[in-house]
Amino acid sequence: MCYSAEASFIASGVLIATSVAIARTPKEHGSLPLAAIPAIFATHQFIEGCIWLSQDEPGLGSLETAAITLYVLIAYVLWPIYIPFAAYRMETCPKRRIAILLCQAVGLAVGVNYLVGMIQTPVAVSVYTCNLSYQVASIWNLGPAYLIAVTVPLLISSRKGLVLFGVGVVASCAAGLYLEQMPSFPSVWCFFAAVLSISLLAYFKAAQRQVVSQRQVSASI
């Protein structure tokens, strides 16, 4: 499977449109972090498109470094912290909220681990089998913990739509690991998950229809 600047920019454009559609859809207050996921992925994919372009423009220097740093901060630090937080805000079951908080703690450990590694060792990027490979240092190898943080909070949610999204994220991770070796895994799974996050629009539309239906039933009683 081949990726390019064009693929990243197209994915970013589609996700921007998705984000606008979600923003215009009435939603509960606690769902705002979840609703922001496509917008974050849109930014992420746009940044990676810029990184692709910089591979052919060695004179960009500091701009390339800034783009790479921002990309890996989102991929390695933000997502394992943000996804449990978004799932927690949507959860109402006390026992599930406790479980998600445990995942949140795992995500914080993962994020801090990679952040310290990035501070100690500059991030490098190269083209690896038609994908961008990011060389990110870390204190400990927390790859499995990363996967737990970005998938389990969704899978244990009491919201069916989030569980389905979580299954899609698991499939994206599995596909990324199968298609590519670990050095390019973040790039691959982030692309898949970005495209998959379009499904969140269907989730919010379905939730809106359910609210309208419940109001109609209440009004008829």
N, C-alpha and C. Protein backbone atom coordinates (compact mmCIF):
# COMPACT_ATOMS: atom_id res chain seq x y z
N MET A 1 0.85 -1.18 0.00
CA MET A 1 0.00 0.00 0.00
C MET A 1 0.89 1.23 0.00
N CYS A 2 0.67 2.17 -0.91
CA CYS A 2 1.54 3.32 -1.07
C CYS A 2 0.85 4.59 -0.60
N TYR A 3 1.57 5.40 0.18
CA TYR A 3 1.04 6.66 0.64
C TYR A 3 1.88 7.79 0.08
N SER A 4 1.35 8.98 0.09
CA SER A 4 2.03 10.12 -0.51
C SER A 4 1.47 11.39 0.09
N ALA A 5 2.06 12.52 -0.32
CA ALA A 5 1.55 13.81 0.12
C ALA A 5 0.11 13.99 -0.34
N GLU A 6 -0.18 13.56 -1.56
CA GLU A 6 -1.54 13.70 -2.09
C GLU A 6 -2.54 12.92 -1.25
N ALA A 7 -2.18 11.69 -0.86
CA ALA A 7 -3.09 10.88 -0.05
C ALA A 7 -3.36 11.55 1.30
N SER A 8 -2.31 12.10 1.89
CA SER A 8 -2.47 12.76 3.19
C SER A 8 -3.33 14.01 3.07
N PHE A 9 -3.12 14.80 2.02
CA PHE A 9 -3.89 16.03 1.85
C PHE A 9 -5.36 15.73 1.53
N ILE A 10 -5.59 14.69 0.74
CA ILE A 10 -6.98 14.31 0.43
C ILE A 10 -7.69 13.85 1.70
N ALA A 11 -7.01 13.01 2.49
CA ALA A 11 -7.59 12.55 3.76
C ALA A 11 -7.87 13.74 4.67
N SER A 12 -6.95 14.70 4.71
CA SER A 12 -7.14 15.89 5.54
C SER A 12 -8.36 16.68 5.09
N GLY A 13 -8.51 16.85 3.77
CA GLY A 13 -9.65 17.61 3.25
C GLY A 13 -10.98 16.95 3.58
N VAL A 14 -11.04 15.63 3.41
CA VAL A 14 -12.27 14.89 3.73
C VAL A 14 -12.60 15.01 5.20
N LEU A 15 -11.58 14.93 6.05
CA LEU A 15 -11.79 15.01 7.49
C LEU A 15 -12.20 16.41 7.93
N ILE A 16 -11.70 17.43 7.25
CA ILE A 16 -12.13 18.80 7.56
C ILE A 16 -13.63 18.93 7.29
N ALA A 17 -14.07 18.41 6.13
CA ALA A 17 -15.50 18.46 5.81
C ALA A 17 -16.31 17.68 6.85
N THR A 18 -15.77 16.53 7.27
CA THR A 18 -16.44 15.73 8.30
C THR A 18 -16.54 16.49 9.61
N SER A 19 -15.46 17.18 9.97
CA SER A 19 -15.44 17.95 11.21
C SER A 19 -16.48 19.06 11.20
N VAL A 20 -16.61 19.73 10.05
CA VAL A 20 -17.60 20.79 9.93
C VAL A 20 -19.01 20.22 10.09
N ALA A 21 -19.25 19.07 9.46
CA ALA A 21 -20.57 18.43 9.55
C ALA A 21 -20.88 18.04 10.99
N ILE A 22 -19.88 17.51 11.71
CA ILE A 22 -20.08 17.14 13.11
C ILE A 22 -20.33 18.38 13.96
N ALA A 23 -19.60 19.45 13.68
CA ALA A 23 -19.77 20.68 14.46
C ALA A 23 -21.18 21.24 14.30
N ARG A 24 -21.78 21.03 13.15
CA ARG A 24 -23.13 21.54 12.89
C ARG A 24 -24.22 20.60 13.39
N THR A 25 -23.82 19.43 13.91
CA THR A 25 -24.79 18.47 14.42
C THR A 25 -24.99 18.67 15.93
N PRO A 26 -26.21 18.89 16.39
CA PRO A 26 -26.45 19.04 17.83
C PRO A 26 -25.95 17.82 18.58
N LYS A 27 -25.31 18.06 19.73
CA LYS A 27 -24.72 16.95 20.48
C LYS A 27 -24.69 17.29 21.96
N GLU A 28 -24.54 16.28 22.79
CA GLU A 28 -24.44 16.49 24.23
C GLU A 28 -23.09 17.11 24.58
N HIS A 29 -23.05 17.85 25.68
CA HIS A 29 -21.85 18.60 26.04
C HIS A 29 -20.64 17.69 26.23
N GLY A 30 -20.82 16.54 26.84
CA GLY A 30 -19.70 15.64 27.12
C GLY A 30 -19.07 15.03 25.88
N SER A 31 -19.72 15.18 24.74
CA SER A 31 -19.21 14.56 23.52
C SER A 31 -18.25 15.47 22.75
N LEU A 32 -17.99 16.66 23.24
CA LEU A 32 -17.14 17.61 22.51
C LEU A 32 -15.72 17.07 22.26
N PRO A 33 -15.05 16.44 23.25
CA PRO A 33 -13.72 15.88 22.96
C PRO A 33 -13.78 14.81 21.87
N LEU A 34 -14.81 13.97 21.90
CA LEU A 34 -14.96 12.94 20.87
C LEU A 34 -15.19 13.59 19.50
N ALA A 35 -16.02 14.63 19.48
CA ALA A 35 -16.33 15.29 18.21
C ALA A 35 -15.12 15.95 17.59
N ALA A 36 -14.12 16.27 18.41
CA ALA A 36 -12.92 16.95 17.91
C ALA A 36 -11.92 15.99 17.27
N ILE A 37 -12.13 14.69 17.43
CA ILE A 37 -11.16 13.72 16.91
C ILE A 37 -10.93 13.85 15.41
N PRO A 38 -11.98 13.93 14.57
CA PRO A 38 -11.72 14.09 13.14
C PRO A 38 -10.93 15.36 12.81
N ALA A 39 -11.17 16.45 13.54
CA ALA A 39 -10.44 17.69 13.30
C ALA A 39 -8.96 17.52 13.63
N ILE A 40 -8.68 16.80 14.72
CA ILE A 40 -7.27 16.56 15.08
C ILE A 40 -6.61 15.68 14.03
N PHE A 41 -7.33 14.65 13.58
CA PHE A 41 -6.78 13.79 12.54
C PHE A 41 -6.58 14.57 11.23
N ALA A 42 -7.47 15.50 10.93
CA ALA A 42 -7.32 16.32 9.73
C ALA A 42 -6.02 17.11 9.79
N THR A 43 -5.77 17.72 10.95
CA THR A 43 -4.52 18.45 11.14
C THR A 43 -3.32 17.52 11.04
N HIS A 44 -3.46 16.35 11.63
CA HIS A 44 -2.38 15.36 11.63
C HIS A 44 -2.01 14.95 10.21
N GLN A 45 -3.04 14.66 9.41
CA GLN A 45 -2.78 14.24 8.04
C GLN A 45 -2.21 15.38 7.20
N PHE A 46 -2.66 16.60 7.45
CA PHE A 46 -2.11 17.75 6.72
C PHE A 46 -0.62 17.91 7.04
N ILE A 47 -0.28 17.75 8.32
CA ILE A 47 1.13 17.86 8.71
C ILE A 47 1.96 16.80 8.02
N GLU A 48 1.43 15.57 7.96
CA GLU A 48 2.20 14.52 7.31
C GLU A 48 2.35 14.78 5.82
N GLY A 49 1.32 15.38 5.20
CA GLY A 49 1.47 15.77 3.80
C GLY A 49 2.61 16.75 3.62
N CYS A 50 2.75 17.69 4.54
CA CYS A 50 3.85 18.65 4.49
C CYS A 50 5.20 17.95 4.67
N ILE A 51 5.22 16.94 5.55
CA ILE A 51 6.47 16.19 5.77
C ILE A 51 6.85 15.45 4.49
N TRP A 52 5.85 14.87 3.82
CA TRP A 52 6.12 14.21 2.53
C TRP A 52 6.76 15.18 1.55
N LEU A 53 6.21 16.38 1.45
CA LEU A 53 6.75 17.37 0.52
C LEU A 53 8.17 17.77 0.88
N SER A 54 8.44 17.82 2.18
CA SER A 54 9.77 18.25 2.62
C SER A 54 10.85 17.23 2.29
N GLN A 55 10.44 15.98 2.00
CA GLN A 55 11.44 14.97 1.65
C GLN A 55 12.14 15.30 0.34
N ASP A 56 11.46 16.05 -0.52
CA ASP A 56 12.05 16.45 -1.80
C ASP A 56 12.62 17.86 -1.77
N GLU A 57 12.51 18.52 -0.60
CA GLU A 57 13.00 19.90 -0.46
C GLU A 57 13.91 19.97 0.76
N PRO A 58 15.16 19.52 0.63
CA PRO A 58 16.06 19.48 1.79
C PRO A 58 16.37 20.85 2.38
N GLY A 59 16.09 21.92 1.65
CA GLY A 59 16.40 23.25 2.14
C GLY A 59 15.40 23.80 3.13
N LEU A 60 14.31 23.07 3.39
CA LEU A 60 13.28 23.58 4.30
C LEU A 60 13.74 23.61 5.76
N GLY A 61 14.66 22.73 6.13
CA GLY A 61 15.30 22.77 7.42
C GLY A 61 14.38 22.85 8.62
N SER A 62 14.31 24.03 9.23
CA SER A 62 13.57 24.20 10.49
C SER A 62 12.08 23.93 10.33
N LEU A 63 11.52 24.23 9.15
CA LEU A 63 10.10 23.97 8.93
C LEU A 63 9.82 22.48 8.94
N GLU A 64 10.72 21.71 8.34
CA GLU A 64 10.56 20.26 8.34
C GLU A 64 10.67 19.72 9.76
N THR A 65 11.64 20.22 10.51
CA THR A 65 11.83 19.78 11.89
C THR A 65 10.58 20.07 12.73
N ALA A 66 10.00 21.26 12.55
CA ALA A 66 8.81 21.63 13.30
C ALA A 66 7.64 20.72 12.96
N ALA A 67 7.48 20.42 11.66
CA ALA A 67 6.38 19.56 11.22
C ALA A 67 6.55 18.14 11.78
N ILE A 68 7.76 17.62 11.73
CA ILE A 68 8.01 16.27 12.23
C ILE A 68 7.75 16.21 13.74
N THR A 69 8.24 17.22 14.46
CA THR A 69 8.04 17.25 15.91
C THR A 69 6.56 17.29 16.27
N LEU A 70 5.81 18.14 15.57
CA LEU A 70 4.37 18.25 15.85
C LEU A 70 3.66 16.95 15.52
N TYR A 71 4.05 16.31 14.41
CA TYR A 71 3.40 15.06 14.02
C TYR A 71 3.60 13.98 15.08
N VAL A 72 4.84 13.80 15.54
CA VAL A 72 5.09 12.73 16.50
C VAL A 72 4.51 13.07 17.87
N LEU A 73 4.41 14.35 18.21
CA LEU A 73 3.77 14.72 19.47
C LEU A 73 2.29 14.29 19.47
N ILE A 74 1.64 14.48 18.33
CA ILE A 74 0.24 14.06 18.23
C ILE A 74 0.14 12.54 18.24
N ALA A 75 0.98 11.89 17.45
CA ALA A 75 0.90 10.43 17.30
C ALA A 75 1.30 9.68 18.57
N TYR A 76 2.38 10.13 19.22
CA TYR A 76 2.92 9.37 20.34
C TYR A 76 2.50 9.88 21.71
N VAL A 77 2.24 11.18 21.83
CA VAL A 77 1.93 11.76 23.14
C VAL A 77 0.45 12.08 23.29
N LEU A 78 -0.12 12.75 22.30
CA LEU A 78 -1.52 13.17 22.43
C LEU A 78 -2.51 12.01 22.41
N TRP A 79 -2.43 11.15 21.39
CA TRP A 79 -3.48 10.13 21.23
C TRP A 79 -3.63 9.20 22.42
N PRO A 80 -2.55 8.65 23.01
CA PRO A 80 -2.76 7.74 24.15
C PRO A 80 -3.33 8.44 25.38
N ILE A 81 -3.24 9.76 25.43
CA ILE A 81 -3.84 10.52 26.53
C ILE A 81 -5.24 10.99 26.18
N TYR A 82 -5.42 11.43 24.96
CA TYR A 82 -6.67 12.07 24.54
C TYR A 82 -7.81 11.08 24.36
N ILE A 83 -7.54 9.92 23.75
CA ILE A 83 -8.62 8.97 23.46
C ILE A 83 -9.27 8.45 24.74
N PRO A 84 -8.51 8.05 25.78
CA PRO A 84 -9.19 7.67 27.03
C PRO A 84 -10.00 8.82 27.63
N PHE A 85 -9.48 10.05 27.53
CA PHE A 85 -10.20 11.21 28.04
C PHE A 85 -11.53 11.40 27.32
N ALA A 86 -11.51 11.28 25.98
CA ALA A 86 -12.74 11.44 25.20
C ALA A 86 -13.75 10.35 25.53
N ALA A 87 -13.26 9.12 25.71
CA ALA A 87 -14.16 8.01 26.05
C ALA A 87 -14.73 8.19 27.46
N TYR A 88 -13.92 8.70 28.38
CA TYR A 88 -14.37 8.92 29.76
C TYR A 88 -15.49 9.95 29.81
N ARG A 89 -15.36 11.01 29.03
CA ARG A 89 -16.37 12.06 29.01
C ARG A 89 -17.72 11.56 28.50
N MET A 90 -17.69 10.48 27.71
CA MET A 90 -18.93 9.94 27.14
C MET A 90 -19.55 8.87 28.02
N GLU A 91 -18.81 8.37 29.01
CA GLU A 91 -19.27 7.21 29.79
C GLU A 91 -20.10 7.63 31.00
N THR A 92 -21.16 6.88 31.27
CA THR A 92 -22.02 7.14 32.43
C THR A 92 -21.98 6.01 33.45
N CYS A 93 -21.56 4.82 33.04
CA CYS A 93 -21.49 3.68 33.95
C CYS A 93 -20.28 3.83 34.88
N PRO A 94 -20.48 3.85 36.20
CA PRO A 94 -19.37 4.05 37.14
C PRO A 94 -18.24 3.05 36.98
N LYS A 95 -18.56 1.75 36.85
CA LYS A 95 -17.52 0.73 36.74
C LYS A 95 -16.71 0.91 35.46
N ARG A 96 -17.37 1.24 34.38
CA ARG A 96 -16.66 1.46 33.12
C ARG A 96 -15.79 2.72 33.20
N ARG A 97 -16.29 3.73 33.90
CA ARG A 97 -15.51 4.96 34.06
C ARG A 97 -14.21 4.68 34.82
N ILE A 98 -14.28 3.81 35.82
CA ILE A 98 -13.07 3.45 36.57
C ILE A 98 -12.08 2.73 35.66
N ALA A 99 -12.59 1.81 34.85
CA ALA A 99 -11.73 1.07 33.93
C ALA A 99 -11.08 2.01 32.92
N ILE A 100 -11.85 2.98 32.44
CA ILE A 100 -11.31 3.94 31.48
C ILE A 100 -10.27 4.82 32.14
N LEU A 101 -10.48 5.16 33.41
CA LEU A 101 -9.49 5.95 34.14
C LEU A 101 -8.16 5.18 34.27
N LEU A 102 -8.24 3.87 34.43
CA LEU A 102 -7.02 3.06 34.46
C LEU A 102 -6.30 3.13 33.12
N CYS A 103 -7.08 3.09 32.04
CA CYS A 103 -6.50 3.25 30.70
C CYS A 103 -5.90 4.64 30.54
N GLN A 104 -6.56 5.63 31.16
CA GLN A 104 -6.04 7.00 31.12
C GLN A 104 -4.66 7.07 31.79
N ALA A 105 -4.51 6.37 32.90
CA ALA A 105 -3.22 6.33 33.59
C ALA A 105 -2.16 5.67 32.70
N VAL A 106 -2.55 4.60 32.02
CA VAL A 106 -1.63 3.93 31.09
C VAL A 106 -1.24 4.90 29.98
N GLY A 107 -2.23 5.61 29.44
CA GLY A 107 -1.97 6.56 28.37
C GLY A 107 -1.04 7.69 28.80
N LEU A 108 -1.22 8.17 30.03
CA LEU A 108 -0.34 9.23 30.55
C LEU A 108 1.10 8.72 30.65
N ALA A 109 1.26 7.50 31.13
CA ALA A 109 2.60 6.92 31.24
C ALA A 109 3.25 6.78 29.86
N VAL A 110 2.45 6.34 28.89
CA VAL A 110 2.96 6.19 27.52
C VAL A 110 3.37 7.55 26.95
N GLY A 111 2.49 8.54 27.11
CA GLY A 111 2.77 9.85 26.57
C GLY A 111 4.02 10.48 27.17
N VAL A 112 4.15 10.40 28.50
CA VAL A 112 5.32 10.95 29.17
C VAL A 112 6.59 10.20 28.75
N ASN A 113 6.48 8.89 28.60
CA ASN A 113 7.60 8.07 28.18
C ASN A 113 8.16 8.54 26.83
N TYR A 114 7.26 8.73 25.87
CA TYR A 114 7.72 9.15 24.54
C TYR A 114 8.14 10.62 24.54
N LEU A 115 7.48 11.44 25.33
CA LEU A 115 7.85 12.86 25.38
C LEU A 115 9.28 13.03 25.89
N VAL A 116 9.62 12.32 26.95
CA VAL A 116 10.98 12.39 27.49
C VAL A 116 11.98 11.89 26.46
N GLY A 117 11.62 10.80 25.77
CA GLY A 117 12.50 10.27 24.73
C GLY A 117 12.75 11.27 23.63
N MET A 118 11.70 12.01 23.23
CA MET A 118 11.84 13.02 22.18
C MET A 118 12.72 14.17 22.63
N ILE A 119 12.61 14.52 23.91
CA ILE A 119 13.44 15.61 24.45
C ILE A 119 14.90 15.21 24.48
N GLN A 120 15.17 13.95 24.82
CA GLN A 120 16.54 13.48 24.93
C GLN A 120 17.19 13.22 23.58
N THR A 121 16.40 12.74 22.62
CA THR A 121 16.94 12.36 21.31
C THR A 121 16.08 12.96 20.20
N PRO A 122 16.67 13.73 19.28
CA PRO A 122 15.89 14.33 18.19
C PRO A 122 15.19 13.26 17.35
N VAL A 123 13.99 13.59 16.91
CA VAL A 123 13.22 12.66 16.07
C VAL A 123 13.75 12.72 14.64
N ALA A 124 13.87 11.56 14.02
CA ALA A 124 14.30 11.48 12.62
C ALA A 124 13.19 10.82 11.81
N VAL A 125 13.15 11.12 10.52
CA VAL A 125 12.14 10.52 9.64
C VAL A 125 12.79 10.12 8.33
N SER A 126 12.31 9.02 7.78
CA SER A 126 12.81 8.54 6.49
C SER A 126 11.68 7.83 5.77
N VAL A 127 11.84 7.64 4.47
CA VAL A 127 10.84 6.91 3.68
C VAL A 127 11.15 5.43 3.80
N TYR A 128 10.15 4.67 4.24
CA TYR A 128 10.32 3.24 4.50
C TYR A 128 9.20 2.49 3.79
N THR A 129 9.55 1.73 2.74
CA THR A 129 8.59 0.98 1.94
C THR A 129 7.34 1.81 1.60
N CYS A 130 7.57 2.97 1.02
CA CYS A 130 6.49 3.87 0.58
C CYS A 130 5.69 4.48 1.74
N ASN A 131 6.25 4.44 2.94
CA ASN A 131 5.64 5.08 4.09
C ASN A 131 6.70 5.90 4.80
N LEU A 132 6.26 6.84 5.62
CA LEU A 132 7.19 7.60 6.42
C LEU A 132 7.47 6.85 7.72
N SER A 133 8.73 6.67 8.02
CA SER A 133 9.14 5.97 9.23
C SER A 133 9.74 6.98 10.20
N TYR A 134 9.16 7.04 11.41
CA TYR A 134 9.61 7.99 12.41
C TYR A 134 10.46 7.27 13.46
N GLN A 135 11.68 7.75 13.65
CA GLN A 135 12.56 7.15 14.64
C GLN A 135 12.43 7.97 15.93
N VAL A 136 11.63 7.43 16.86
CA VAL A 136 11.33 8.12 18.11
C VAL A 136 11.92 7.32 19.27
N ALA A 137 12.77 7.98 20.03
CA ALA A 137 13.37 7.31 21.19
C ALA A 137 12.38 7.27 22.34
N SER A 138 12.55 6.31 23.22
CA SER A 138 11.68 6.20 24.40
C SER A 138 12.48 5.59 25.55
N ILE A 139 12.01 5.84 26.76
CA ILE A 139 12.70 5.29 27.93
C ILE A 139 12.47 3.79 28.01
N TRP A 140 11.21 3.39 27.84
CA TRP A 140 10.84 1.98 27.85
C TRP A 140 10.07 1.65 26.58
N ASN A 141 10.05 0.39 26.24
CA ASN A 141 9.26 -0.05 25.09
C ASN A 141 7.81 -0.25 25.53
N LEU A 142 6.97 0.75 25.25
CA LEU A 142 5.58 0.70 25.70
C LEU A 142 4.60 0.58 24.53
N GLY A 143 5.04 -0.11 23.48
CA GLY A 143 4.16 -0.31 22.32
C GLY A 143 2.84 -0.98 22.70
N PRO A 144 2.85 -2.11 23.43
CA PRO A 144 1.59 -2.75 23.83
C PRO A 144 0.72 -1.83 24.70
N ALA A 145 1.35 -1.06 25.60
CA ALA A 145 0.59 -0.14 26.45
C ALA A 145 -0.06 0.95 25.60
N TYR A 146 0.64 1.39 24.56
CA TYR A 146 0.08 2.39 23.63
C TYR A 146 -1.20 1.85 23.01
N LEU A 147 -1.15 0.61 22.54
CA LEU A 147 -2.32 0.00 21.90
C LEU A 147 -3.48 -0.13 22.89
N ILE A 148 -3.17 -0.45 24.14
CA ILE A 148 -4.22 -0.53 25.16
C ILE A 148 -4.88 0.83 25.35
N ALA A 149 -4.08 1.88 25.41
CA ALA A 149 -4.61 3.22 25.68
C ALA A 149 -5.51 3.73 24.56
N VAL A 150 -5.20 3.38 23.30
CA VAL A 150 -5.98 3.93 22.19
C VAL A 150 -7.13 3.03 21.74
N THR A 151 -7.24 1.82 22.32
CA THR A 151 -8.31 0.92 21.88
C THR A 151 -9.27 0.51 23.01
N VAL A 152 -8.74 0.12 24.16
CA VAL A 152 -9.57 -0.44 25.23
C VAL A 152 -10.65 0.55 25.71
N PRO A 153 -10.35 1.84 25.91
CA PRO A 153 -11.40 2.76 26.38
C PRO A 153 -12.60 2.81 25.46
N LEU A 154 -12.38 2.61 24.16
CA LEU A 154 -13.48 2.60 23.21
C LEU A 154 -14.22 1.26 23.25
N LEU A 155 -13.47 0.19 23.36
CA LEU A 155 -14.08 -1.14 23.32
C LEU A 155 -14.96 -1.43 24.54
N ILE A 156 -14.63 -0.82 25.69
CA ILE A 156 -15.42 -1.10 26.90
C ILE A 156 -16.50 -0.04 27.13
N SER A 157 -16.67 0.86 26.19
CA SER A 157 -17.69 1.90 26.33
C SER A 157 -19.08 1.29 26.31
N SER A 158 -20.01 1.94 27.01
CA SER A 158 -21.40 1.49 27.00
C SER A 158 -22.13 2.01 25.76
N ARG A 159 -21.45 2.84 24.97
CA ARG A 159 -22.04 3.37 23.73
C ARG A 159 -21.68 2.45 22.57
N LYS A 160 -22.69 1.88 21.95
CA LYS A 160 -22.45 0.94 20.86
C LYS A 160 -21.64 1.56 19.74
N GLY A 161 -21.93 2.81 19.43
CA GLY A 161 -21.21 3.48 18.36
C GLY A 161 -19.73 3.60 18.65
N LEU A 162 -19.37 3.86 19.90
CA LEU A 162 -17.96 3.96 20.26
C LEU A 162 -17.28 2.60 20.24
N VAL A 163 -18.01 1.56 20.62
CA VAL A 163 -17.45 0.21 20.56
C VAL A 163 -17.12 -0.15 19.10
N LEU A 164 -18.02 0.18 18.20
CA LEU A 164 -17.78 -0.09 16.78
C LEU A 164 -16.58 0.71 16.27
N PHE A 165 -16.48 1.96 16.72
CA PHE A 165 -15.32 2.76 16.35
C PHE A 165 -14.05 2.14 16.91
N GLY A 166 -14.13 1.64 18.14
CA GLY A 166 -12.98 0.97 18.74
C GLY A 166 -12.56 -0.27 17.98
N VAL A 167 -13.55 -1.04 17.53
CA VAL A 167 -13.24 -2.22 16.72
C VAL A 167 -12.52 -1.79 15.44
N GLY A 168 -12.97 -0.69 14.86
CA GLY A 168 -12.31 -0.18 13.66
C GLY A 168 -10.88 0.25 13.93
N VAL A 169 -10.65 0.88 15.09
CA VAL A 169 -9.29 1.29 15.45
C VAL A 169 -8.40 0.05 15.64
N VAL A 170 -8.94 -0.99 16.30
CA VAL A 170 -8.19 -2.23 16.46
C VAL A 170 -7.83 -2.81 15.10
N ALA A 171 -8.81 -2.82 14.19
CA ALA A 171 -8.55 -3.33 12.84
C ALA A 171 -7.48 -2.49 12.14
N SER A 172 -7.52 -1.16 12.35
CA SER A 172 -6.52 -0.28 11.75
C SER A 172 -5.14 -0.59 12.28
N CYS A 173 -5.04 -0.80 13.60
CA CYS A 173 -3.75 -1.15 14.20
C CYS A 173 -3.25 -2.49 13.66
N ALA A 174 -4.15 -3.46 13.57
CA ALA A 174 -3.77 -4.78 13.09
C ALA A 174 -3.30 -4.72 11.64
N ALA A 175 -4.03 -3.94 10.83
CA ALA A 175 -3.65 -3.80 9.42
C ALA A 175 -2.30 -3.11 9.30
N GLY A 176 -2.10 -2.08 10.14
CA GLY A 176 -0.83 -1.37 10.10
C GLY A 176 0.34 -2.27 10.47
N LEU A 177 0.15 -3.09 11.51
CA LEU A 177 1.21 -4.00 11.94
C LEU A 177 1.46 -5.09 10.90
N TYR A 178 0.40 -5.52 10.23
CA TYR A 178 0.55 -6.58 9.22
C TYR A 178 1.23 -6.07 7.96
N LEU A 179 0.83 -4.87 7.52
CA LEU A 179 1.35 -4.34 6.26
C LEU A 179 2.77 -3.80 6.38
N GLU A 180 3.10 -3.26 7.54
CA GLU A 180 4.40 -2.63 7.70
C GLU A 180 5.09 -3.09 8.98
N GLN A 181 6.40 -2.90 9.00
CA GLN A 181 7.15 -3.17 10.21
C GLN A 181 6.96 -2.02 11.20
N MET A 182 7.37 -2.22 12.43
CA MET A 182 7.11 -1.26 13.50
C MET A 182 7.59 0.16 13.21
N PRO A 183 8.74 0.38 12.53
CA PRO A 183 9.19 1.75 12.32
C PRO A 183 8.18 2.66 11.63
N SER A 184 7.32 2.11 10.78
CA SER A 184 6.35 2.95 10.08
C SER A 184 4.94 2.74 10.60
N PHE A 185 4.79 1.99 11.70
CA PHE A 185 3.46 1.70 12.22
C PHE A 185 2.64 2.94 12.55
N PRO A 186 3.19 3.93 13.28
CA PRO A 186 2.37 5.10 13.61
C PRO A 186 1.79 5.80 12.38
N SER A 187 2.59 5.91 11.32
CA SER A 187 2.13 6.56 10.10
C SER A 187 0.98 5.79 9.48
N VAL A 188 1.10 4.47 9.44
CA VAL A 188 0.09 3.63 8.80
C VAL A 188 -1.22 3.63 9.59
N TRP A 189 -1.12 3.38 10.91
CA TRP A 189 -2.36 3.28 11.68
C TRP A 189 -3.06 4.63 11.79
N CYS A 190 -2.28 5.71 11.86
CA CYS A 190 -2.90 7.03 11.93
C CYS A 190 -3.66 7.35 10.65
N PHE A 191 -3.14 6.90 9.52
CA PHE A 191 -3.85 7.12 8.25
C PHE A 191 -5.17 6.35 8.25
N PHE A 192 -5.10 5.07 8.63
CA PHE A 192 -6.31 4.25 8.67
C PHE A 192 -7.33 4.82 9.65
N ALA A 193 -6.86 5.16 10.85
CA ALA A 193 -7.77 5.67 11.87
C ALA A 193 -8.36 7.01 11.47
N ALA A 194 -7.58 7.82 10.75
CA ALA A 194 -8.09 9.11 10.28
C ALA A 194 -9.27 8.89 9.33
N VAL A 195 -9.09 7.98 8.38
CA VAL A 195 -10.17 7.69 7.44
C VAL A 195 -11.36 7.09 8.18
N LEU A 196 -11.06 6.21 9.15
CA LEU A 196 -12.10 5.55 9.93
C LEU A 196 -12.92 6.55 10.76
N SER A 197 -12.27 7.64 11.19
CA SER A 197 -12.96 8.59 12.07
C SER A 197 -14.13 9.28 11.38
N ILE A 198 -14.23 9.13 10.06
CA ILE A 198 -15.39 9.65 9.36
C ILE A 198 -16.66 8.98 9.89
N SER A 199 -16.51 7.75 10.39
CA SER A 199 -17.66 7.03 10.94
C SER A 199 -18.25 7.72 12.15
N LEU A 200 -17.47 8.59 12.79
CA LEU A 200 -18.00 9.32 13.94
C LEU A 200 -19.14 10.26 13.53
N LEU A 201 -19.10 10.71 12.28
CA LEU A 201 -20.20 11.54 11.79
C LEU A 201 -21.50 10.74 11.82
N ALA A 202 -21.44 9.47 11.38
CA ALA A 202 -22.62 8.61 11.41
C ALA A 202 -23.08 8.40 12.85
N TYR A 203 -22.13 8.29 13.78
CA TYR A 203 -22.47 8.11 15.19
C TYR A 203 -23.26 9.31 15.71
N PHE A 204 -22.77 10.50 15.43
CA PHE A 204 -23.44 11.71 15.93
C PHE A 204 -24.79 11.93 15.25
N LYS A 205 -24.89 11.58 13.97
CA LYS A 205 -26.17 11.70 13.28
C LYS A 205 -27.19 10.74 13.89
N ALA A 206 -26.75 9.51 14.18
CA ALA A 206 -27.64 8.53 14.78
C ALA A 206 -28.07 8.96 16.18
N ALA A 207 -27.14 9.53 16.95
CA ALA A 207 -27.47 10.00 18.29
C ALA A 207 -28.48 11.14 18.22
N GLN A 208 -28.33 12.01 17.22
CA GLN A 208 -29.28 13.12 17.06
C GLN A 208 -30.67 12.60 16.74
N ARG A 209 -30.74 11.61 15.85
CA ARG A 209 -32.05 11.03 15.49
C ARG A 209 -32.70 10.38 16.70
N GLN A 210 -31.90 9.75 17.54
CA GLN A 210 -32.44 9.09 18.73
C GLN A 210 -33.02 10.12 19.70
N VAL A 211 -32.34 11.23 19.87
CA VAL A 211 -32.82 12.29 20.76
C VAL A 211 -34.13 12.86 20.24
N VAL A 212 -34.20 13.12 18.93
CA VAL A 212 -35.42 13.66 18.32
C VAL A 212 -36.57 12.68 18.50
N SER A 213 -36.28 11.37 18.31
CA SER A 213 -37.32 10.36 18.46
C SER A 213 -37.84 10.30 19.88
N GLN A 214 -36.93 10.39 20.86
CA GLN A 214 -37.32 10.34 22.26
C GLN A 214 -38.19 11.57 22.63
N ARG A 215 -37.86 12.71 22.08
CA ARG A 215 -38.63 13.92 22.33
C ARG A 215 -40.04 13.81 21.75
N GLN A 216 -40.11 13.19 20.58
CA GLN A 216 -41.43 13.01 19.94
C GLN A 216 -42.30 12.08 20.76
N VAL A 217 -41.68 11.01 21.28
CA VAL A 217 -42.42 10.05 22.11
C VAL A 217 -42.91 10.73 23.39
N SER A 218 -42.03 11.52 24.02
CA SER A 218 -42.39 12.22 25.24
C SER A 218 -43.52 13.22 25.00
N ALA A 219 -43.46 13.89 23.85
CA ALA A 219 -44.49 14.88 23.54
C ALA A 219 -45.86 14.24 23.29
N SER A 220 -45.83 12.99 22.82
CA SER A 220 -47.10 12.32 22.48
C SER A 220 -47.77 11.69 23.70
N ILE A 221 -47.00 11.59 24.81
CA ILE A 221 -47.57 10.97 26.02
C ILE A 221 -48.45 11.99 26.78
